[in-house]
Amino acid sequence: MAEFSRNGCLDHWCTKAMRSKIEPLKNRRSPSDPDAKIAKMKDGRTHLAHKVEHAVDMETTALVAVTLQGADQGDTTTIWNTVATASE
């Protein structure tokens, strides 16, 4: 009889791709960038990424601040960091 592993697939049939679909997304880490967070793309896929926010002076159209935020945070929570950086 076939043995099932703890992730629910047959040991001899499991491939790396199958195991990666089973493991929780929150446990994924980028080996080249451990600070990257999970971002959901418009088409529904997920990627490990960062979110860059920038503030522009409307009169001069000059870039006054650039901040790097976690991709797992919403715009309404990270805007205050960008505003504070722009006001300095």
C-alpha atoms as a PDB file:
ATOM      1  CA  MET A   1       0.000   0.000   0.000  1.00  0.00           C
ATOM      2  CA  ALA A   2       1.241   3.496  -0.806  1.00  0.00           C
ATOM      3  CA  GLU A   3       2.483   5.702   1.995  1.00  0.00           C
ATOM      4  CA  PHE A   4       1.208   9.248   2.307  1.00  0.00           C
ATOM      5  CA  SER A   5       3.508  11.942   3.609  1.00  0.00           C
ATOM      6  CA  ARG A   6       2.373  14.560   6.113  1.00  0.00           C
ATOM      7  CA  ASN A   7       1.656  17.052   3.305  1.00  0.00           C
ATOM      8  CA  GLY A   8      -0.934  14.707   1.821  1.00  0.00           C
ATOM      9  CA  CYS A   9       0.721  13.410  -1.343  1.00  0.00           C
ATOM     10  CA  LEU A  10       2.257  10.097  -2.241  1.00  0.00           C
ATOM     11  CA  ASP A  11       5.953  10.137  -1.394  1.00  0.00           C
ATOM     12  CA  HIS A  12       7.061   8.605  -4.660  1.00  0.00           C
ATOM     13  CA  TRP A  13       4.793  10.839  -6.768  1.00  0.00           C
ATOM     14  CA  CYS A  14       5.512  14.166  -5.089  1.00  0.00           C
ATOM     15  CA  THR A  15       7.603  16.564  -7.076  1.00  0.00           C
ATOM     16  CA  LYS A  16       9.017  19.848  -5.888  1.00  0.00           C
ATOM     17  CA  ALA A  17       6.268  21.698  -7.777  1.00  0.00           C
ATOM     18  CA  MET A  18       3.539  19.678  -6.078  1.00  0.00           C
ATOM     19  CA  ARG A  19       5.026  20.235  -2.628  1.00  0.00           C
ATOM     20  CA  SER A  20       5.339  23.971  -3.250  1.00  0.00           C
ATOM     21  CA  LYS A  21       1.608  24.190  -3.993  1.00  0.00           C
ATOM     22  CA  ILE A  22       0.813  22.461  -0.730  1.00  0.00           C
ATOM     23  CA  GLU A  23       2.997  24.469   1.640  1.00  0.00           C
ATOM     24  CA  PRO A  24       1.467  27.677   3.006  1.00  0.00           C
ATOM     25  CA  LEU A  25       2.309  30.850   1.126  1.00  0.00           C
ATOM     26  CA  LYS A  26       3.266  32.730   4.272  1.00  0.00           C
ATOM     27  CA  ASN A  27       6.226  30.406   4.832  1.00  0.00           C
ATOM     28  CA  ARG A  28       7.818  31.163   1.475  1.00  0.00           C
ATOM     29  CA  ARG A  29      11.048  33.138   1.488  1.00  0.00           C
ATOM     30  CA  SER A  30      13.191  34.440  -1.321  1.00  0.00           C
ATOM     31  CA  PRO A  31      16.755  33.109  -1.052  1.00  0.00           C
ATOM     32  CA  SER A  32      18.111  36.258  -2.709  1.00  0.00           C
ATOM     33  CA  ASP A  33      15.890  38.769  -0.850  1.00  0.00           C
ATOM     34  CA  PRO A  34      14.588  37.603   2.540  1.00  0.00           C
ATOM     35  CA  ASP A  35      12.777  40.942   3.106  1.00  0.00           C
ATOM     36  CA  ALA A  36      10.436  40.408   0.141  1.00  0.00           C
ATOM     37  CA  LYS A  37       6.776  39.911   1.025  1.00  0.00           C
ATOM     38  CA  ILE A  38       3.944  38.152  -0.787  1.00  0.00           C
ATOM     39  CA  ALA A  39       2.162  40.399  -3.284  1.00  0.00           C
ATOM     40  CA  LYS A  40      -1.035  39.435  -5.069  1.00  0.00           C
ATOM     41  CA  MET A  41      -0.950  40.410  -8.726  1.00  0.00           C
ATOM     42  CA  LYS A  42      -3.933  41.686 -10.741  1.00  0.00           C
ATOM     43  CA  ASP A  43      -4.397  38.312 -12.416  1.00  0.00           C
ATOM     44  CA  GLY A  44      -4.588  36.528  -9.042  1.00  0.00           C
ATOM     45  CA  ARG A  45      -1.088  35.038  -8.985  1.00  0.00           C
ATOM     46  CA  THR A  46       1.286  35.753  -6.120  1.00  0.00           C
ATOM     47  CA  HIS A  47       4.917  36.854  -6.195  1.00  0.00           C
ATOM     48  CA  LEU A  48       7.505  37.784  -3.605  1.00  0.00           C
ATOM     49  CA  ALA A  49       8.029  41.518  -4.022  1.00  0.00           C
ATOM     50  CA  HIS A  50       8.415  44.977  -2.514  1.00  0.00           C
ATOM     51  CA  LYS A  51       6.194  48.005  -3.018  1.00  0.00           C
ATOM     52  CA  VAL A  52       7.805  51.320  -3.913  1.00  0.00           C
ATOM     53  CA  GLU A  53       5.839  54.458  -3.070  1.00  0.00           C
ATOM     54  CA  HIS A  54       6.793  57.941  -4.166  1.00  0.00           C
ATOM     55  CA  ALA A  55       5.548  61.441  -3.378  1.00  0.00           C
ATOM     56  CA  VAL A  56       5.566  64.241  -5.948  1.00  0.00           C
ATOM     57  CA  ASP A  57       5.343  68.010  -5.402  1.00  0.00           C
ATOM     58  CA  MET A  58       2.341  68.996  -7.520  1.00  0.00           C
ATOM     59  CA  GLU A  59       3.599  72.535  -8.257  1.00  0.00           C
ATOM     60  CA  THR A  60       7.074  71.638  -9.479  1.00  0.00           C
ATOM     61  CA  THR A  61       6.420  67.975 -10.343  1.00  0.00           C
ATOM     62  CA  ALA A  62       9.602  67.166  -8.445  1.00  0.00           C
ATOM     63  CA  LEU A  63      10.000  63.840  -6.711  1.00  0.00           C
ATOM     64  CA  VAL A  64      10.204  64.636  -2.984  1.00  0.00           C
ATOM     65  CA  ALA A  65      10.158  61.191  -1.335  1.00  0.00           C
ATOM     66  CA  VAL A  66      10.589  57.528  -2.174  1.00  0.00           C
ATOM     67  CA  THR A  67       9.858  54.759   0.330  1.00  0.00           C
ATOM     68  CA  LEU A  68      10.114  50.991   0.123  1.00  0.00           C
ATOM     69  CA  GLN A  69       7.221  49.168   1.788  1.00  0.00           C
ATOM     70  CA  GLY A  70       6.294  45.552   2.313  1.00  0.00           C
ATOM     71  CA  ALA A  71       4.107  44.228  -0.490  1.00  0.00           C
ATOM     72  CA  ASP A  72       1.804  42.582   2.041  1.00  0.00           C
ATOM     73  CA  GLN A  73       0.653  45.953   3.436  1.00  0.00           C
ATOM     74  CA  GLY A  74      -2.168  48.016   1.972  1.00  0.00           C
ATOM     75  CA  ASP A  75      -1.766  51.495   0.522  1.00  0.00           C
ATOM     76  CA  THR A  76      -3.910  53.062   3.238  1.00  0.00           C
ATOM     77  CA  THR A  77      -1.541  51.844   5.953  1.00  0.00           C
ATOM     78  CA  THR A  78       1.751  52.689   4.242  1.00  0.00           C
ATOM     79  CA  ILE A  79       0.841  56.135   2.932  1.00  0.00           C
ATOM     80  CA  TRP A  80       1.562  57.715   6.305  1.00  0.00           C
ATOM     81  CA  ASN A  81       5.219  56.625   6.162  1.00  0.00           C
ATOM     82  CA  THR A  82       5.541  58.178   2.718  1.00  0.00           C
ATOM     83  CA  VAL A  83       3.852  61.417   3.841  1.00  0.00           C
ATOM     84  CA  ALA A  84       6.135  61.652   6.888  1.00  0.00           C
ATOM     85  CA  THR A  85       9.213  61.125   4.717  1.00  0.00           C
ATOM     86  CA  ALA A  86       8.018  63.750   2.229  1.00  0.00           C
ATOM     87  CA  SER A  87       7.456  66.341   4.954  1.00  0.00           C
ATOM     88  CA  GLU A  88      11.032  66.073   6.265  1.00  0.00           C
END
